[in-house]
Amino acid sequence: REFVAAINWSIGMTTYADSLKGRVTI
């Protein structure tokens, strides 16, 4: 299993896997 992206629901802070090179948005 590989991590893709995550978001903190209340704050809205996001984080992404570097390997996806900006191709995804959460």
PDB file of all heavy atoms in Angstrom:
ATOM      1  N   ARG A   1       0.833  -1.193   0.000  1.00  0.00           N
ATOM      2  CA  ARG A   1       0.000   0.000   0.000  1.00  0.00           C
ATOM      3  C   ARG A   1       0.875   1.253   0.000  1.00  0.00           C
ATOM      4  O   ARG A   1       1.829   1.361   0.770  1.00  0.00           O
ATOM      5  CB  ARG A   1      -0.914  -0.020   1.215  1.00  0.00           C
ATOM      6  CG  ARG A   1      -1.943   1.095   1.250  1.00  0.00           C
ATOM      7  CD  ARG A   1      -3.007   0.803   2.302  1.00  0.00           C
ATOM      8  NE  ARG A   1      -3.811  -0.357   1.938  1.00  0.00           N
ATOM      9  CZ  ARG A   1      -4.738  -0.898   2.719  1.00  0.00           C
ATOM     10  NH1 ARG A   1      -4.965  -0.392   3.915  1.00  0.00           N
ATOM     11  NH2 ARG A   1      -5.420  -1.950   2.304  1.00  0.00           N
ATOM     12  N   GLU A   2       0.529   2.208  -0.855  1.00  0.00           N
ATOM     13  CA  GLU A   2       1.310   3.420  -1.037  1.00  0.00           C
ATOM     14  C   GLU A   2       0.504   4.661  -0.683  1.00  0.00           C
ATOM     15  O   GLU A   2      -0.641   4.812  -1.105  1.00  0.00           O
ATOM     16  CB  GLU A   2       1.787   3.505  -2.490  1.00  0.00           C
ATOM     17  CG  GLU A   2       2.533   4.789  -2.850  1.00  0.00           C
ATOM     18  CD  GLU A   2       2.796   4.911  -4.342  1.00  0.00           C
ATOM     19  OE1 GLU A   2       2.190   4.150  -5.122  1.00  0.00           O
ATOM     20  OE2 GLU A   2       3.614   5.766  -4.732  1.00  0.00           O
ATOM     21  N   PHE A   3       1.108   5.553   0.051  1.00  0.00           N
ATOM     22  CA  PHE A   3       0.463   6.802   0.416  1.00  0.00           C
ATOM     23  C   PHE A   3       0.360   7.728  -0.784  1.00  0.00           C
ATOM     24  O   PHE A   3       1.301   7.853  -1.570  1.00  0.00           O
ATOM     25  CB  PHE A   3       1.248   7.499   1.533  1.00  0.00           C
ATOM     26  CG  PHE A   3       0.783   8.899   1.815  1.00  0.00           C
ATOM     27  CD1 PHE A   3      -0.421   9.132   2.466  1.00  0.00           C
ATOM     28  CD2 PHE A   3       1.553   9.986   1.434  1.00  0.00           C
ATOM     29  CE1 PHE A   3      -0.860  10.424   2.722  1.00  0.00           C
ATOM     30  CE2 PHE A   3       1.135  11.282   1.693  1.00  0.00           C
ATOM     31  CZ  PHE A   3      -0.075  11.496   2.337  1.00  0.00           C
ATOM     32  N   VAL A   4      -0.777   8.397  -0.930  1.00  0.00           N
ATOM     33  CA  VAL A   4      -1.001   9.313  -2.041  1.00  0.00           C
ATOM     34  C   VAL A   4      -1.123  10.754  -1.548  1.00  0.00           C
ATOM     35  O   VAL A   4      -0.369  11.630  -1.967  1.00  0.00           O
ATOM     36  CB  VAL A   4      -2.264   8.938  -2.836  1.00  0.00           C
ATOM     37  CG1 VAL A   4      -2.544   9.974  -3.923  1.00  0.00           C
ATOM     38  CG2 VAL A   4      -2.112   7.550  -3.443  1.00  0.00           C
ATOM     39  N   ALA A   5      -2.069  11.005  -0.659  1.00  0.00           N
ATOM     40  CA  ALA A   5      -2.304  12.356  -0.158  1.00  0.00           C
ATOM     41  C   ALA A   5      -3.160  12.305   1.100  1.00  0.00           C
ATOM     42  O   ALA A   5      -3.870  11.333   1.336  1.00  0.00           O
ATOM     43  CB  ALA A   5      -2.991  13.213  -1.221  1.00  0.00           C
ATOM     44  N   ALA A   6      -3.100  13.370   1.893  1.00  0.00           N
ATOM     45  CA  ALA A   6      -3.915  13.440   3.099  1.00  0.00           C
ATOM     46  C   ALA A   6      -4.285  14.886   3.401  1.00  0.00           C
ATOM     47  O   ALA A   6      -3.601  15.820   2.969  1.00  0.00           O
ATOM     48  CB  ALA A   6      -3.176  12.832   4.295  1.00  0.00           C
ATOM     49  N   ILE A   7      -5.359  15.053   4.148  1.00  0.00           N
ATOM     50  CA  ILE A   7      -5.828  16.379   4.524  1.00  0.00           C
ATOM     51  C   ILE A   7      -6.379  16.351   5.940  1.00  0.00           C
ATOM     52  O   ILE A   7      -7.007  15.377   6.352  1.00  0.00           O
ATOM     53  CB  ILE A   7      -6.907  16.884   3.523  1.00  0.00           C
ATOM     54  CG1 ILE A   7      -7.328  18.318   3.854  1.00  0.00           C
ATOM     55  CG2 ILE A   7      -8.121  15.953   3.533  1.00  0.00           C
ATOM     56  CD1 ILE A   7      -8.226  18.946   2.785  1.00  0.00           C
ATOM     57  N   ASN A   8      -6.113  17.411   6.684  1.00  0.00           N
ATOM     58  CA  ASN A   8      -6.725  17.587   7.989  1.00  0.00           C
ATOM     59  C   ASN A   8      -8.057  18.271   7.755  1.00  0.00           C
ATOM     60  O   ASN A   8      -8.103  19.392   7.242  1.00  0.00           O
ATOM     61  CB  ASN A   8      -5.832  18.442   8.892  1.00  0.00           C
ATOM     62  CG  ASN A   8      -6.438  18.672  10.263  1.00  0.00           C
ATOM     63  OD1 ASN A   8      -7.411  19.403  10.415  1.00  0.00           O
ATOM     64  ND2 ASN A   8      -5.862  18.025  11.281  1.00  0.00           N
ATOM     65  N   TRP A   9      -9.144  17.592   8.091  1.00  0.00           N
ATOM     66  CA  TRP A   9     -10.475  18.090   7.764  1.00  0.00           C
ATOM     67  C   TRP A   9     -10.762  19.473   8.333  1.00  0.00           C
ATOM     68  O   TRP A   9     -11.261  20.346   7.629  1.00  0.00           O
ATOM     69  CB  TRP A   9     -11.541  17.104   8.254  1.00  0.00           C
ATOM     70  CG  TRP A   9     -12.935  17.560   7.978  1.00  0.00           C
ATOM     71  CD1 TRP A   9     -13.764  18.245   8.819  1.00  0.00           C
ATOM     72  CD2 TRP A   9     -13.665  17.382   6.754  1.00  0.00           C
ATOM     73  NE1 TRP A   9     -14.970  18.492   8.199  1.00  0.00           N
ATOM     74  CE2 TRP A   9     -14.933  17.978   6.933  1.00  0.00           C
ATOM     75  CE3 TRP A   9     -13.362  16.773   5.537  1.00  0.00           C
ATOM     76  CZ2 TRP A   9     -15.901  17.982   5.933  1.00  0.00           C
ATOM     77  CZ3 TRP A   9     -14.321  16.775   4.536  1.00  0.00           C
ATOM     78  CH2 TRP A   9     -15.576  17.370   4.741  1.00  0.00           C
ATOM     79  N   SER A  10     -10.468  19.689   9.589  1.00  0.00           N
ATOM     80  CA  SER A  10     -10.818  20.944  10.251  1.00  0.00           C
ATOM     81  C   SER A  10      -9.934  22.116   9.823  1.00  0.00           C
ATOM     82  O   SER A  10     -10.423  23.231   9.630  1.00  0.00           O
ATOM     83  CB  SER A  10     -10.739  20.780  11.768  1.00  0.00           C
ATOM     84  OG  SER A  10     -11.679  19.824  12.228  1.00  0.00           O
ATOM     85  N   ILE A  11      -8.654  21.863   9.673  1.00  0.00           N
ATOM     86  CA  ILE A  11      -7.703  22.925   9.351  1.00  0.00           C
ATOM     87  C   ILE A  11      -7.531  23.124   7.854  1.00  0.00           C
ATOM     88  O   ILE A  11      -7.319  24.239   7.379  1.00  0.00           O
ATOM     89  CB  ILE A  11      -6.334  22.638  10.003  1.00  0.00           C
ATOM     90  CG1 ILE A  11      -6.493  22.520  11.513  1.00  0.00           C
ATOM     91  CG2 ILE A  11      -5.333  23.734   9.668  1.00  0.00           C
ATOM     92  CD1 ILE A  11      -5.221  22.098  12.235  1.00  0.00           C
ATOM     93  N   GLY A  12      -7.622  22.030   7.101  1.00  0.00           N
ATOM     94  CA  GLY A  12      -7.454  22.116   5.664  1.00  0.00           C
ATOM     95  C   GLY A  12      -6.026  21.912   5.196  1.00  0.00           C
ATOM     96  O   GLY A  12      -5.748  22.020   3.995  1.00  0.00           O
ATOM     97  N   MET A  13      -5.129  21.617   6.107  1.00  0.00           N
ATOM     98  CA  MET A  13      -3.737  21.385   5.754  1.00  0.00           C
ATOM     99  C   MET A  13      -3.609  20.094   4.956  1.00  0.00           C
ATOM    100  O   MET A  13      -4.212  19.083   5.303  1.00  0.00           O
ATOM    101  CB  MET A  13      -2.887  21.306   7.019  1.00  0.00           C
ATOM    102  CG  MET A  13      -1.392  21.180   6.783  1.00  0.00           C
ATOM    103  SD  MET A  13      -0.473  21.070   8.341  1.00  0.00           S
ATOM    104  CE  MET A  13      -0.914  22.644   9.085  1.00  0.00           C
ATOM    105  N   THR A  14      -2.818  20.134   3.895  1.00  0.00           N
ATOM    106  CA  THR A  14      -2.663  18.977   3.018  1.00  0.00           C
ATOM    107  C   THR A  14      -1.215  18.530   2.929  1.00  0.00           C
ATOM    108  O   THR A  14      -0.284  19.301   3.170  1.00  0.00           O
ATOM    109  CB  THR A  14      -3.163  19.279   1.604  1.00  0.00           C
ATOM    110  OG1 THR A  14      -2.409  20.377   1.055  1.00  0.00           O
ATOM    111  CG2 THR A  14      -4.639  19.652   1.617  1.00  0.00           C
ATOM    112  N   THR A  15      -1.025  17.274   2.555  1.00  0.00           N
ATOM    113  CA  THR A  15       0.302  16.734   2.338  1.00  0.00           C
ATOM    114  C   THR A  15       0.213  15.707   1.212  1.00  0.00           C
ATOM    115  O   THR A  15      -0.797  15.025   1.064  1.00  0.00           O
ATOM    116  CB  THR A  15       0.880  16.093   3.615  1.00  0.00           C
ATOM    117  OG1 THR A  15       2.217  15.653   3.365  1.00  0.00           O
ATOM    118  CG2 THR A  15       0.046  14.899   4.059  1.00  0.00           C
ATOM    119  N   TYR A  16       1.290  15.614   0.412  1.00  0.00           N
ATOM    120  CA  TYR A  16       1.290  14.748  -0.755  1.00  0.00           C
ATOM    121  C   TYR A  16       2.543  13.902  -0.833  1.00  0.00           C
ATOM    122  O   TYR A  16       3.602  14.287  -0.328  1.00  0.00           O
ATOM    123  CB  TYR A  16       1.197  15.573  -2.037  1.00  0.00           C
ATOM    124  CG  TYR A  16      -0.049  16.403  -2.167  1.00  0.00           C
ATOM    125  CD1 TYR A  16      -0.077  17.720  -1.711  1.00  0.00           C
ATOM    126  CD2 TYR A  16      -1.194  15.881  -2.744  1.00  0.00           C
ATOM    127  CE1 TYR A  16      -1.219  18.488  -1.824  1.00  0.00           C
ATOM    128  CE2 TYR A  16      -2.345  16.639  -2.862  1.00  0.00           C
ATOM    129  CZ  TYR A  16      -2.356  17.944  -2.405  1.00  0.00           C
ATOM    130  OH  TYR A  16      -3.495  18.700  -2.525  1.00  0.00           O
ATOM    131  N   ALA A  17       2.419  12.764  -1.505  1.00  0.00           N
ATOM    132  CA  ALA A  17       3.585  11.945  -1.788  1.00  0.00           C
ATOM    133  C   ALA A  17       4.405  12.654  -2.863  1.00  0.00           C
ATOM    134  O   ALA A  17       3.862  13.077  -3.888  1.00  0.00           O
ATOM    135  CB  ALA A  17       3.157  10.564  -2.272  1.00  0.00           C
ATOM    136  N   ASP A  18       5.709  12.781  -2.628  1.00  0.00           N
ATOM    137  CA  ASP A  18       6.573  13.493  -3.571  1.00  0.00           C
ATOM    138  C   ASP A  18       6.577  12.857  -4.954  1.00  0.00           C
ATOM    139  O   ASP A  18       6.711  13.546  -5.969  1.00  0.00           O
ATOM    140  CB  ASP A  18       8.004  13.541  -3.034  1.00  0.00           C
ATOM    141  CG  ASP A  18       8.142  14.420  -1.808  1.00  0.00           C
ATOM    142  OD1 ASP A  18       7.295  15.316  -1.607  1.00  0.00           O
ATOM    143  OD2 ASP A  18       9.104  14.220  -1.037  1.00  0.00           O
ATOM    144  N   SER A  19       6.432  11.555  -5.004  1.00  0.00           N
ATOM    145  CA  SER A  19       6.511  10.838  -6.271  1.00  0.00           C
ATOM    146  C   SER A  19       5.392  11.182  -7.251  1.00  0.00           C
ATOM    147  O   SER A  19       5.511  10.919  -8.444  1.00  0.00           O
ATOM    148  CB  SER A  19       6.521   9.327  -6.012  1.00  0.00           C
ATOM    149  OG  SER A  19       5.336   8.906  -5.375  1.00  0.00           O
ATOM    150  N   LEU A  20       4.324  11.747  -6.766  1.00  0.00           N
ATOM    151  CA  LEU A  20       3.198  12.052  -7.643  1.00  0.00           C
ATOM    152  C   LEU A  20       3.379  13.354  -8.405  1.00  0.00           C
ATOM    153  O   LEU A  20       2.593  13.679  -9.298  1.00  0.00           O
ATOM    154  CB  LEU A  20       1.896  12.061  -6.841  1.00  0.00           C
ATOM    155  CG  LEU A  20       1.494  10.685  -6.322  1.00  0.00           C
ATOM    156  CD1 LEU A  20       0.315  10.788  -5.370  1.00  0.00           C
ATOM    157  CD2 LEU A  20       1.157   9.764  -7.482  1.00  0.00           C
ATOM    158  N   LYS A  21       4.395  14.114  -8.065  1.00  0.00           N
ATOM    159  CA  LYS A  21       4.831  15.290  -8.823  1.00  0.00           C
ATOM    160  C   LYS A  21       3.727  16.275  -9.199  1.00  0.00           C
ATOM    161  O   LYS A  21       3.655  16.745 -10.338  1.00  0.00           O
ATOM    162  CB  LYS A  21       5.560  14.827 -10.079  1.00  0.00           C
ATOM    163  CG  LYS A  21       6.758  13.941  -9.806  1.00  0.00           C
ATOM    164  CD  LYS A  21       7.398  13.468 -11.104  1.00  0.00           C
ATOM    165  CE  LYS A  21       8.590  12.571 -10.826  1.00  0.00           C
ATOM    166  NZ  LYS A  21       9.220  12.078 -12.091  1.00  0.00           N
ATOM    167  N   GLY A  22       2.856  16.578  -8.263  1.00  0.00           N
ATOM    168  CA  GLY A  22       1.832  17.572  -8.500  1.00  0.00           C
ATOM    169  C   GLY A  22       0.680  17.127  -9.373  1.00  0.00           C
ATOM    170  O   GLY A  22      -0.118  17.966  -9.811  1.00  0.00           O
ATOM    171  N   ARG A  23       0.561  15.850  -9.641  1.00  0.00           N
ATOM    172  CA  ARG A  23      -0.524  15.344 -10.485  1.00  0.00           C
ATOM    173  C   ARG A  23      -1.814  15.093  -9.716  1.00  0.00           C
ATOM    174  O   ARG A  23      -2.836  14.810 -10.336  1.00  0.00           O
ATOM    175  CB  ARG A  23      -0.099  14.059 -11.198  1.00  0.00           C
ATOM    176  CG  ARG A  23       1.002  14.256 -12.220  1.00  0.00           C
ATOM    177  CD  ARG A  23       1.196  13.003 -13.089  1.00  0.00           C
ATOM    178  NE  ARG A  23       1.644  11.866 -12.298  1.00  0.00           N
ATOM    179  CZ  ARG A  23       0.943  10.755 -12.112  1.00  0.00           C
ATOM    180  NH1 ARG A  23      -0.255  10.630 -12.661  1.00  0.00           N
ATOM    181  NH2 ARG A  23       1.439   9.765 -11.388  1.00  0.00           N
ATOM    182  N   VAL A  24      -1.758  15.189  -8.403  1.00  0.00           N
ATOM    183  CA  VAL A  24      -2.950  14.941  -7.603  1.00  0.00           C
ATOM    184  C   VAL A  24      -3.239  16.112  -6.680  1.00  0.00           C
ATOM    185  O   VAL A  24      -2.329  16.832  -6.253  1.00  0.00           O
ATOM    186  CB  VAL A  24      -2.825  13.644  -6.770  1.00  0.00           C
ATOM    187  CG1 VAL A  24      -2.587  12.448  -7.682  1.00  0.00           C
ATOM    188  CG2 VAL A  24      -1.694  13.762  -5.750  1.00  0.00           C
ATOM    189  N   THR A  25      -4.518  16.303  -6.388  1.00  0.00           N
ATOM    190  CA  THR A  25      -4.950  17.347  -5.474  1.00  0.00           C
ATOM    191  C   THR A  25      -6.026  16.782  -4.562  1.00  0.00           C
ATOM    192  O   THR A  25      -7.012  16.216  -5.040  1.00  0.00           O
ATOM    193  CB  THR A  25      -5.521  18.562  -6.224  1.00  0.00           C
ATOM    194  OG1 THR A  25      -4.531  19.099  -7.109  1.00  0.00           O
ATOM    195  CG2 THR A  25      -5.933  19.648  -5.233  1.00  0.00           C
ATOM    196  N   ILE A  26      -5.842  16.922  -3.274  1.00  0.00           N
ATOM    197  CA  ILE A  26      -6.832  16.462  -2.316  1.00  0.00           C
ATOM    198  C   ILE A  26      -7.587  17.669  -1.780  1.00  0.00           C
ATOM    199  O   ILE A  26      -7.011  18.729  -1.550  1.00  0.00           O
ATOM    200  CB  ILE A  26      -6.178  15.653  -1.168  1.00  0.00           C
ATOM    201  CG1 ILE A  26      -7.249  14.989  -0.296  1.00  0.00           C
ATOM    202  CG2 ILE A  26      -5.272  16.539  -0.318  1.00  0.00           C
ATOM    203  CD1 ILE A  26      -6.680  13.966   0.687  1.00  0.00           C
TER     204      ILE A  26
END
